Amino acid sequence: MVAGKSFYRSFMMFSATMQPSMEKLARKYLKHPAYVQVGDLGGAKKEIEQRVEFVHGGESSRKRALAKLLEKFNRPPILVFVNKREDTDMLQEYIRKELGRRCVALHGSKSQERREAALDSLREGKVDILVCTNVAARGIDIPSVGHVINYHAPFVIVDYIHRIGRTGRAGKHGMATTLLTAEDEGIFYDLRKYLQEND
């Protein structure tokens, strides 16, 4: 403490999105919070080409759509997002055995050591594809991701924004493709609005 001087602790938070609940918390507990916004709030980067494909039929139709995507837009490293942990290992096996592609899985139930090994194998080019849950959507740096595929559409638009934000980084062009079915009706409105705003 310096005589005659007052010191205050500063807290800083960095995020691609600011959810209303977090903004409310900041206003409630912080004294004079300041927000610094770079670009459009929640806006997509122009370097990301966003695509949507409708899939009719069951799981086999979705797998066929994924196989076509991986063949047509082969831009490793590729992230394939699913919504459930149990789907990561199943889809990894399908990609590895049926499609003959180098692939690894990542989800929250894996040990820290296994998660780091999976990420390192992708970064080092030992595998081309990472099948993952939202655990890989935030705070993980994987350079030069060429294609993000939402095998399962996320439930909320905030997760969509974080997922596609893994590509198109550092000024590089990226692609994001979302496979939609009738079961994904809950995100249709927000996704349509987001795509229109960022066209």
Protein backbone atom coordinates (compact mmCIF):
# COMPACT_ATOMS: atom_id res chain seq x y z
CA MET A 1 0.00 0.00 0.00
CA VAL A 2 1.36 3.39 -1.05
CA ALA A 3 0.37 6.32 1.14
CA GLY A 4 -2.54 8.24 -0.33
CA LYS A 5 -3.14 5.74 -3.14
CA SER A 6 -6.00 3.29 -3.56
CA PHE A 7 -5.58 0.09 -5.51
CA TYR A 8 -8.31 -2.07 -7.00
CA ARG A 9 -8.16 -5.59 -8.27
CA SER A 10 -8.91 -5.90 -12.01
CA PHE A 11 -10.64 -8.89 -13.56
CA MET A 12 -10.59 -9.56 -17.29
CA MET A 13 -12.54 -12.10 -19.30
CA PHE A 14 -12.11 -12.84 -23.00
CA SER A 15 -14.78 -14.65 -24.97
CA ALA A 16 -16.01 -15.01 -28.55
CA THR A 17 -19.52 -14.59 -27.19
CA MET A 18 -20.99 -12.88 -24.14
CA GLN A 19 -24.05 -14.69 -22.96
CA PRO A 20 -26.73 -12.55 -21.27
CA SER A 21 -26.31 -14.51 -18.02
CA MET A 22 -22.57 -13.67 -17.91
CA GLU A 23 -23.25 -10.01 -18.71
CA LYS A 24 -25.79 -9.88 -15.88
CA LEU A 25 -23.26 -11.41 -13.46
CA ALA A 26 -20.62 -8.88 -14.48
CA ARG A 27 -22.99 -5.97 -13.91
CA LYS A 28 -24.07 -7.37 -10.54
CA TYR A 29 -20.65 -8.06 -8.98
CA LEU A 30 -18.17 -5.79 -10.75
CA LYS A 31 -17.70 -2.10 -10.10
CA HIS A 32 -17.90 -0.16 -13.39
CA PRO A 33 -17.43 -3.09 -15.80
CA ALA A 34 -16.12 -2.14 -19.24
CA TYR A 35 -16.75 -4.10 -22.42
CA VAL A 36 -14.36 -4.08 -25.36
CA GLN A 37 -15.88 -5.44 -28.54
CA VAL A 38 -13.89 -6.29 -31.65
CA GLY A 39 -16.01 -6.68 -34.77
CA ASP A 40 -19.73 -7.40 -34.83
CA LEU A 41 -21.14 -8.86 -31.62
CA GLY A 42 -21.52 -12.59 -32.24
CA GLY A 43 -20.69 -12.07 -35.89
CA ALA A 44 -19.01 -14.74 -37.94
CA LYS A 45 -15.62 -14.16 -39.43
CA LYS A 46 -15.78 -13.48 -43.16
CA GLU A 47 -12.99 -16.02 -43.67
CA ILE A 48 -15.41 -18.88 -42.84
CA GLU A 49 -17.55 -20.31 -45.62
CA GLN A 50 -20.67 -21.62 -43.85
CA ARG A 51 -22.67 -24.44 -45.45
CA VAL A 52 -25.79 -26.35 -44.39
CA GLU A 53 -26.87 -29.75 -45.73
CA PHE A 54 -30.20 -31.38 -44.97
CA VAL A 55 -30.05 -35.11 -44.35
CA HIS A 56 -33.17 -37.22 -44.83
CA GLY A 57 -33.20 -40.64 -43.21
CA GLY A 58 -31.48 -42.17 -40.22
CA GLU A 59 -27.91 -42.59 -39.01
CA SER A 60 -26.79 -44.40 -42.17
CA SER A 61 -27.84 -41.37 -44.28
CA ARG A 62 -25.90 -39.06 -41.98
CA LYS A 63 -22.81 -41.26 -42.26
CA ARG A 64 -23.06 -41.27 -46.06
CA ALA A 65 -23.32 -37.46 -46.04
CA LEU A 66 -20.22 -37.28 -43.84
CA ALA A 67 -18.29 -39.63 -46.13
CA LYS A 68 -19.13 -37.43 -49.15
CA LEU A 69 -18.06 -34.30 -47.26
CA LEU A 70 -14.73 -35.81 -46.26
CA GLU A 71 -14.10 -36.86 -49.85
CA LYS A 72 -15.20 -33.60 -51.47
CA PHE A 73 -13.74 -31.12 -48.98
CA ASN A 74 -10.59 -32.83 -47.75
CA ARG A 75 -8.90 -29.97 -45.88
CA PRO A 76 -7.09 -31.43 -42.86
CA PRO A 77 -6.99 -30.89 -40.02
CA ILE A 78 -10.74 -31.48 -39.81
CA LEU A 79 -12.92 -31.27 -36.68
CA VAL A 80 -16.13 -33.32 -36.59
CA PHE A 81 -18.46 -32.29 -33.76
CA VAL A 82 -21.03 -34.58 -32.15
CA ASN A 83 -23.34 -33.86 -29.21
CA LYS A 84 -22.83 -36.96 -27.05
CA ARG A 85 -19.65 -38.48 -25.64
CA GLU A 86 -20.64 -42.01 -26.66
CA ASP A 87 -20.95 -40.91 -30.30
CA THR A 88 -17.32 -39.78 -30.53
CA ASP A 89 -15.79 -43.24 -30.23
CA MET A 90 -18.45 -44.81 -32.47
CA LEU A 91 -17.91 -42.24 -35.22
CA GLN A 92 -14.13 -42.41 -34.88
CA GLU A 93 -14.29 -46.17 -35.51
CA TYR A 94 -16.53 -45.65 -38.55
CA ILE A 95 -14.17 -43.05 -40.05
CA ARG A 96 -11.09 -45.13 -39.31
CA LYS A 97 -12.36 -48.58 -40.35
CA GLU A 98 -15.00 -47.87 -43.00
CA LEU A 99 -13.52 -44.76 -44.62
CA GLY A 100 -9.86 -45.62 -44.04
CA ARG A 101 -9.00 -42.19 -42.64
CA ARG A 102 -6.59 -41.34 -39.82
CA CYS A 103 -8.81 -40.23 -36.96
CA VAL A 104 -8.84 -39.73 -33.19
CA ALA A 105 -11.61 -38.98 -30.65
CA LEU A 106 -11.80 -36.37 -27.89
CA HIS A 107 -14.40 -35.88 -25.16
CA GLY A 108 -14.62 -34.89 -21.50
CA SER A 109 -14.54 -38.45 -20.12
CA LYS A 110 -11.03 -39.06 -21.41
CA SER A 111 -8.09 -38.42 -19.08
CA GLN A 112 -6.13 -35.19 -19.47
CA GLU A 113 -3.18 -37.20 -20.78
CA ARG A 114 -5.30 -38.87 -23.48
CA ARG A 115 -6.91 -35.55 -24.46
CA GLU A 116 -3.51 -33.90 -24.87
CA ALA A 117 -2.23 -36.89 -26.87
CA ALA A 118 -5.25 -36.66 -29.21
CA LEU A 119 -4.72 -32.93 -29.77
CA ASP A 120 -0.98 -33.37 -30.29
CA SER A 121 -1.56 -36.09 -32.89
CA LEU A 122 -3.82 -33.70 -34.83
CA ARG A 123 -1.45 -30.73 -34.51
CA GLU A 124 1.52 -32.84 -35.63
CA GLY A 125 -0.32 -34.26 -38.65
CA LYS A 126 -0.33 -37.87 -37.41
CA VAL A 127 -4.12 -37.88 -37.87
CA ASP A 128 -6.30 -35.79 -40.19
CA ILE A 129 -9.60 -35.84 -38.30
CA LEU A 130 -10.63 -35.17 -34.70
CA VAL A 131 -14.12 -36.34 -33.67
CA CYS A 132 -15.08 -34.34 -30.61
CA THR A 133 -17.77 -32.91 -28.36
CA ASN A 134 -18.04 -29.24 -27.37
CA VAL A 135 -15.00 -29.78 -25.13
CA ALA A 136 -12.92 -28.84 -28.22
CA ALA A 137 -15.08 -25.85 -29.16
CA ARG A 138 -13.60 -23.37 -26.69
CA GLY A 139 -10.16 -22.41 -25.50
CA ILE A 140 -8.21 -24.97 -27.52
CA ASP A 141 -5.83 -23.79 -30.21
CA ILE A 142 -5.46 -26.05 -33.22
CA PRO A 143 -3.70 -24.12 -35.99
CA SER A 144 -4.95 -24.13 -39.58
CA VAL A 145 -8.18 -26.13 -39.14
CA GLY A 146 -9.48 -26.36 -42.71
CA HIS A 147 -12.97 -27.73 -42.14
CA VAL A 148 -15.37 -27.93 -39.19
CA ILE A 149 -18.22 -30.40 -39.64
CA ASN A 150 -21.21 -30.38 -37.31
CA TYR A 151 -22.15 -34.04 -37.67
CA HIS A 152 -24.79 -33.29 -35.07
CA ALA A 153 -26.09 -29.74 -35.05
CA PRO A 154 -25.57 -28.01 -31.69
CA PHE A 155 -28.61 -27.30 -29.55
CA VAL A 156 -27.97 -23.54 -29.22
CA ILE A 157 -26.50 -20.91 -31.54
CA VAL A 158 -23.74 -19.95 -29.06
CA ASP A 159 -22.27 -23.45 -29.36
CA TYR A 160 -22.49 -23.16 -33.15
CA ILE A 161 -20.51 -19.90 -33.06
CA HIS A 162 -17.79 -21.43 -30.89
CA ARG A 163 -17.57 -24.59 -33.01
CA ILE A 164 -17.16 -22.83 -36.34
CA GLY A 165 -14.71 -20.41 -34.73
CA ARG A 166 -12.12 -23.21 -34.69
CA THR A 167 -11.52 -22.58 -38.42
CA GLY A 168 -10.78 -19.43 -40.42
CA ARG A 169 -8.23 -18.26 -37.85
CA ALA A 170 -5.26 -15.92 -38.30
CA GLY A 171 -6.60 -14.62 -41.63
CA LYS A 172 -6.85 -18.06 -43.23
CA HIS A 173 -9.91 -19.28 -45.11
CA GLY A 174 -11.98 -22.01 -43.45
CA MET A 175 -15.13 -23.98 -44.07
CA ALA A 176 -17.93 -25.02 -41.71
CA THR A 177 -20.62 -27.52 -42.73
CA THR A 178 -23.63 -28.44 -40.60
CA LEU A 179 -25.68 -31.57 -41.23
CA LEU A 180 -29.31 -30.88 -40.33
CA THR A 181 -32.25 -33.23 -39.86
CA ALA A 182 -35.88 -32.63 -38.89
CA GLU A 183 -34.86 -33.35 -35.27
CA ASP A 184 -32.75 -30.16 -35.23
CA GLU A 185 -35.80 -27.91 -35.48
CA GLY A 186 -34.87 -26.15 -32.22
CA ILE A 187 -31.92 -24.34 -33.82
CA PHE A 188 -33.47 -23.64 -37.25
CA TYR A 189 -34.65 -20.08 -36.52
CA ASP A 190 -31.44 -18.88 -34.82
CA LEU A 191 -29.21 -20.59 -37.39
CA ARG A 192 -31.13 -19.12 -40.33
CA LYS A 193 -30.94 -15.65 -38.77
CA TYR A 194 -27.23 -16.02 -38.05
CA LEU A 195 -26.45 -17.18 -41.58
CA GLN A 196 -28.42 -14.29 -43.08
CA GLU A 197 -26.68 -11.74 -40.86
CA ASN A 198 -23.25 -13.10 -41.76
CA ASP A 199 -23.73 -13.69 -45.49
